Amino acid sequence: MTNSPAVVNYFIPLMKSLNMSWAELKATPAVELEGLVIALSEYNILHSFDGYTAKEIGEMAKNKPQIRTQYNDYIKRRRKYGIDKAETNFSVLGNIKKID
């Protein structure tokens, strides 16, 4: 095996996450391997913050601000694929004072 980027970028993730064998990888065209890797990446992003609430993300983001960016990308992609709907109920925004 060589030290090529294809080994690190394609073969190892597919063998690890999709349990593909070396024979399956060699028999699959490069275009299909690339598509599998892209789909695997999307899947990982779509489920990267499963189980966390927005409040928990806010707490984690206090120590690591980049978490907020990753969480926003997670939400954007979940909406793109129709997993989550954009919030249209303004009551979730918290206590909003009514102006008289």
N, C-alpha and C. Protein backbone atom coordinates (compact mmCIF):
# COMPACT_ATOMS: atom_id res chain seq x y z
N MET A 1 0.85 -1.18 0.00
CA MET A 1 0.00 0.00 0.00
C MET A 1 0.89 1.24 0.00
N THR A 2 0.44 2.28 -0.64
CA THR A 2 1.23 3.49 -0.78
C THR A 2 0.78 4.56 0.20
N ASN A 3 1.50 5.64 0.23
CA ASN A 3 1.14 6.78 1.07
C ASN A 3 0.35 7.82 0.28
N SER A 4 -0.53 7.38 -0.57
CA SER A 4 -1.29 8.32 -1.40
C SER A 4 -2.48 8.89 -0.63
N PRO A 5 -2.93 10.09 -1.02
CA PRO A 5 -4.10 10.68 -0.36
C PRO A 5 -5.36 9.82 -0.51
N ALA A 6 -5.46 9.06 -1.60
CA ALA A 6 -6.64 8.23 -1.81
C ALA A 6 -6.80 7.20 -0.70
N VAL A 7 -5.70 6.68 -0.22
CA VAL A 7 -5.75 5.69 0.85
C VAL A 7 -6.35 6.30 2.11
N VAL A 8 -5.88 7.49 2.45
CA VAL A 8 -6.35 8.14 3.67
C VAL A 8 -7.76 8.71 3.48
N ASN A 9 -8.01 9.33 2.33
CA ASN A 9 -9.28 10.02 2.11
C ASN A 9 -10.44 9.11 1.70
N TYR A 10 -10.16 8.01 1.03
CA TYR A 10 -11.23 7.14 0.55
C TYR A 10 -11.25 5.79 1.24
N PHE A 11 -10.16 5.06 1.13
CA PHE A 11 -10.17 3.67 1.53
C PHE A 11 -10.39 3.46 3.02
N ILE A 12 -9.65 4.16 3.85
CA ILE A 12 -9.75 3.95 5.29
C ILE A 12 -11.15 4.32 5.82
N PRO A 13 -11.71 5.50 5.46
CA PRO A 13 -13.07 5.79 5.95
C PRO A 13 -14.11 4.77 5.48
N LEU A 14 -13.99 4.33 4.22
CA LEU A 14 -14.97 3.38 3.71
C LEU A 14 -14.81 2.01 4.36
N MET A 15 -13.59 1.60 4.60
CA MET A 15 -13.37 0.31 5.27
C MET A 15 -13.86 0.38 6.71
N LYS A 16 -13.60 1.49 7.37
CA LYS A 16 -13.96 1.63 8.78
C LYS A 16 -15.46 1.83 8.98
N SER A 17 -16.04 2.77 8.26
CA SER A 17 -17.43 3.14 8.50
C SER A 17 -18.44 2.27 7.76
N LEU A 18 -18.12 1.86 6.54
CA LEU A 18 -19.06 1.07 5.74
C LEU A 18 -18.69 -0.41 5.68
N ASN A 19 -17.63 -0.76 6.38
CA ASN A 19 -17.16 -2.16 6.43
C ASN A 19 -16.94 -2.75 5.04
N MET A 20 -16.39 -1.95 4.15
CA MET A 20 -16.07 -2.44 2.81
C MET A 20 -14.74 -3.18 2.86
N SER A 21 -14.66 -4.26 2.15
CA SER A 21 -13.42 -5.03 2.10
C SER A 21 -12.49 -4.43 1.05
N TRP A 22 -11.23 -4.86 1.11
CA TRP A 22 -10.25 -4.39 0.14
C TRP A 22 -10.66 -4.80 -1.27
N ALA A 23 -11.19 -6.01 -1.42
CA ALA A 23 -11.63 -6.48 -2.74
C ALA A 23 -12.79 -5.63 -3.27
N GLU A 24 -13.72 -5.25 -2.40
CA GLU A 24 -14.84 -4.40 -2.81
C GLU A 24 -14.35 -3.01 -3.24
N LEU A 25 -13.39 -2.49 -2.50
CA LEU A 25 -12.84 -1.17 -2.85
C LEU A 25 -12.16 -1.20 -4.20
N LYS A 26 -11.37 -2.24 -4.46
CA LYS A 26 -10.66 -2.35 -5.73
C LYS A 26 -11.63 -2.55 -6.89
N ALA A 27 -12.77 -3.20 -6.64
CA ALA A 27 -13.73 -3.47 -7.71
C ALA A 27 -14.67 -2.29 -7.98
N THR A 28 -14.70 -1.31 -7.11
CA THR A 28 -15.61 -0.18 -7.25
C THR A 28 -14.92 0.95 -8.00
N PRO A 29 -15.60 1.52 -9.01
CA PRO A 29 -15.00 2.64 -9.75
C PRO A 29 -14.73 3.84 -8.83
N ALA A 30 -13.72 4.61 -9.17
CA ALA A 30 -13.30 5.76 -8.36
C ALA A 30 -14.42 6.77 -8.17
N VAL A 31 -15.25 6.97 -9.19
CA VAL A 31 -16.35 7.93 -9.09
C VAL A 31 -17.34 7.48 -8.02
N GLU A 32 -17.63 6.19 -7.96
CA GLU A 32 -18.55 5.68 -6.95
C GLU A 32 -17.93 5.76 -5.56
N LEU A 33 -16.64 5.51 -5.45
CA LEU A 33 -15.97 5.64 -4.15
C LEU A 33 -16.05 7.08 -3.65
N GLU A 34 -15.83 8.02 -4.56
CA GLU A 34 -15.91 9.43 -4.18
C GLU A 34 -17.33 9.78 -3.72
N GLY A 35 -18.33 9.28 -4.42
CA GLY A 35 -19.72 9.51 -4.02
C GLY A 35 -20.03 8.91 -2.66
N LEU A 36 -19.50 7.73 -2.38
CA LEU A 36 -19.71 7.10 -1.07
C LEU A 36 -19.06 7.92 0.04
N VAL A 37 -17.86 8.44 -0.23
CA VAL A 37 -17.17 9.25 0.78
C VAL A 37 -17.93 10.55 1.04
N ILE A 38 -18.43 11.18 -0.01
CA ILE A 38 -19.21 12.41 0.15
C ILE A 38 -20.49 12.13 0.93
N ALA A 39 -21.17 11.04 0.59
CA ALA A 39 -22.40 10.68 1.31
C ALA A 39 -22.10 10.37 2.77
N LEU A 40 -21.00 9.69 3.04
CA LEU A 40 -20.61 9.39 4.41
C LEU A 40 -20.33 10.67 5.19
N SER A 41 -19.67 11.62 4.54
CA SER A 41 -19.40 12.91 5.19
C SER A 41 -20.69 13.65 5.52
N GLU A 42 -21.63 13.67 4.57
CA GLU A 42 -22.93 14.30 4.82
C GLU A 42 -23.65 13.62 5.98
N TYR A 43 -23.63 12.30 5.99
CA TYR A 43 -24.28 11.54 7.06
C TYR A 43 -23.68 11.89 8.42
N ASN A 44 -22.35 11.97 8.47
CA ASN A 44 -21.68 12.30 9.73
C ASN A 44 -22.05 13.70 10.22
N ILE A 45 -22.16 14.65 9.30
CA ILE A 45 -22.55 16.01 9.69
C ILE A 45 -24.01 16.03 10.13
N LEU A 46 -24.88 15.31 9.41
CA LEU A 46 -26.31 15.29 9.74
C LEU A 46 -26.59 14.72 11.12
N HIS A 47 -25.70 13.90 11.62
CA HIS A 47 -25.93 13.26 12.92
C HIS A 47 -24.88 13.63 13.96
N SER A 48 -24.09 14.66 13.69
CA SER A 48 -22.99 15.02 14.58
C SER A 48 -23.44 15.59 15.92
N PHE A 49 -24.59 16.23 15.98
CA PHE A 49 -25.07 16.81 17.23
C PHE A 49 -26.38 16.17 17.71
N ASP A 50 -26.68 14.99 17.22
CA ASP A 50 -27.88 14.30 17.67
C ASP A 50 -27.79 14.07 19.18
N GLY A 51 -28.88 14.33 19.88
CA GLY A 51 -28.92 14.11 21.32
C GLY A 51 -28.59 15.34 22.15
N TYR A 52 -28.13 16.40 21.51
CA TYR A 52 -27.81 17.64 22.23
C TYR A 52 -28.94 18.64 22.05
N THR A 53 -29.22 19.40 23.08
CA THR A 53 -30.19 20.49 22.97
C THR A 53 -29.45 21.78 22.60
N ALA A 54 -30.21 22.77 22.16
CA ALA A 54 -29.60 24.06 21.82
C ALA A 54 -28.95 24.68 23.05
N LYS A 55 -29.52 24.45 24.22
CA LYS A 55 -28.94 24.98 25.46
C LYS A 55 -27.58 24.33 25.74
N GLU A 56 -27.49 23.01 25.54
CA GLU A 56 -26.22 22.32 25.75
C GLU A 56 -25.16 22.80 24.76
N ILE A 57 -25.57 23.04 23.53
CA ILE A 57 -24.64 23.56 22.52
C ILE A 57 -24.14 24.93 22.94
N GLY A 58 -25.04 25.77 23.47
CA GLY A 58 -24.65 27.10 23.95
C GLY A 58 -23.63 27.02 25.06
N GLU A 59 -23.79 26.07 25.97
CA GLU A 59 -22.83 25.89 27.06
C GLU A 59 -21.47 25.43 26.52
N MET A 60 -21.48 24.49 25.59
CA MET A 60 -20.22 24.01 25.02
C MET A 60 -19.53 25.11 24.22
N ALA A 61 -20.32 25.96 23.56
CA ALA A 61 -19.75 27.01 22.72
C ALA A 61 -19.06 28.09 23.54
N LYS A 62 -19.34 28.16 24.83
CA LYS A 62 -18.65 29.14 25.67
C LYS A 62 -17.16 28.85 25.73
N ASN A 63 -16.81 27.58 25.75
CA ASN A 63 -15.40 27.19 25.81
C ASN A 63 -14.77 27.02 24.43
N LYS A 64 -15.58 26.60 23.46
CA LYS A 64 -15.08 26.39 22.10
C LYS A 64 -16.04 27.04 21.12
N PRO A 65 -15.79 28.28 20.72
CA PRO A 65 -16.71 29.00 19.84
C PRO A 65 -16.95 28.33 18.48
N GLN A 66 -16.00 27.52 18.00
CA GLN A 66 -16.17 26.87 16.70
C GLN A 66 -17.31 25.86 16.72
N ILE A 67 -17.74 25.44 17.91
CA ILE A 67 -18.87 24.52 18.01
C ILE A 67 -20.14 25.17 17.49
N ARG A 68 -20.29 26.47 17.71
CA ARG A 68 -21.47 27.19 17.23
C ARG A 68 -21.54 27.12 15.71
N THR A 69 -20.41 27.31 15.03
CA THR A 69 -20.37 27.23 13.57
C THR A 69 -20.72 25.83 13.10
N GLN A 70 -20.15 24.82 13.74
CA GLN A 70 -20.45 23.44 13.37
C GLN A 70 -21.92 23.11 13.60
N TYR A 71 -22.48 23.60 14.69
CA TYR A 71 -23.90 23.36 15.00
C TYR A 71 -24.80 24.05 13.97
N ASN A 72 -24.45 25.27 13.57
CA ASN A 72 -25.23 25.97 12.55
C ASN A 72 -25.19 25.22 11.22
N ASP A 73 -24.04 24.66 10.87
CA ASP A 73 -23.92 23.86 9.65
C ASP A 73 -24.79 22.60 9.77
N TYR A 74 -24.78 21.99 10.94
CA TYR A 74 -25.62 20.81 11.22
C TYR A 74 -27.10 21.15 11.00
N ILE A 75 -27.56 22.25 11.57
CA ILE A 75 -28.96 22.66 11.44
C ILE A 75 -29.30 22.99 9.98
N LYS A 76 -28.40 23.70 9.30
CA LYS A 76 -28.63 24.09 7.90
C LYS A 76 -28.78 22.85 7.02
N ARG A 77 -27.94 21.88 7.22
CA ARG A 77 -28.02 20.66 6.39
C ARG A 77 -29.23 19.82 6.73
N ARG A 78 -29.62 19.77 8.00
CA ARG A 78 -30.82 19.01 8.38
C ARG A 78 -32.07 19.65 7.76
N ARG A 79 -32.08 20.97 7.66
CA ARG A 79 -33.20 21.65 7.00
C ARG A 79 -33.16 21.41 5.50
N LYS A 80 -31.97 21.38 4.93
CA LYS A 80 -31.80 21.14 3.49
C LYS A 80 -32.40 19.79 3.10
N TYR A 81 -32.20 18.78 3.92
CA TYR A 81 -32.69 17.44 3.62
C TYR A 81 -34.08 17.17 4.20
N GLY A 82 -34.70 18.19 4.81
CA GLY A 82 -36.05 18.05 5.32
C GLY A 82 -36.16 17.28 6.63
N ILE A 83 -35.05 17.12 7.34
CA ILE A 83 -35.07 16.41 8.62
C ILE A 83 -35.64 17.32 9.69
N ASP A 84 -35.27 18.57 9.67
CA ASP A 84 -35.79 19.57 10.61
C ASP A 84 -36.46 20.67 9.80
N LYS A 85 -37.47 21.24 10.36
CA LYS A 85 -38.14 22.38 9.75
C LYS A 85 -37.65 23.65 10.41
N ALA A 86 -37.62 24.73 9.66
CA ALA A 86 -37.26 26.03 10.23
C ALA A 86 -38.33 26.42 11.24
N GLU A 87 -37.90 26.94 12.35
CA GLU A 87 -38.82 27.29 13.44
C GLU A 87 -39.60 28.55 13.05
N THR A 88 -40.92 28.44 13.06
CA THR A 88 -41.76 29.59 12.73
C THR A 88 -42.55 30.08 13.92
N ASN A 89 -42.47 29.38 15.03
CA ASN A 89 -43.19 29.75 16.24
C ASN A 89 -42.31 30.69 17.05
N PHE A 90 -42.74 31.91 17.22
CA PHE A 90 -41.93 32.90 17.91
C PHE A 90 -41.89 32.68 19.41
N SER A 91 -42.73 31.82 19.95
CA SER A 91 -42.72 31.58 21.39
C SER A 91 -41.44 30.87 21.83
N VAL A 92 -40.74 30.21 20.91
CA VAL A 92 -39.50 29.53 21.28
C VAL A 92 -38.34 30.51 21.47
N LEU A 93 -38.54 31.74 21.10
CA LEU A 93 -37.48 32.73 21.24
C LEU A 93 -37.29 33.19 22.68
N GLY A 94 -38.19 32.82 23.54
CA GLY A 94 -38.06 33.18 24.94
C GLY A 94 -39.05 34.27 25.32
N ASN A 95 -38.75 34.93 26.38
CA ASN A 95 -39.64 35.97 26.89
C ASN A 95 -39.45 37.25 26.09
N ILE A 96 -40.41 37.51 25.25
CA ILE A 96 -40.38 38.73 24.47
C ILE A 96 -41.41 39.69 25.07
N LYS A 97 -40.95 40.86 25.42
CA LYS A 97 -41.84 41.83 26.05
C LYS A 97 -42.70 42.50 25.00
N LYS A 98 -43.96 42.57 25.30
CA LYS A 98 -44.90 43.21 24.41
C LYS A 98 -44.78 44.73 24.55
N ILE A 99 -44.69 45.40 23.41
CA ILE A 99 -44.58 46.86 23.41
C ILE A 99 -45.98 47.43 23.27
N ASP A 100 -46.35 48.29 24.20
CA ASP A 100 -47.69 48.90 24.17
C ASP A 100 -47.69 50.17 23.39
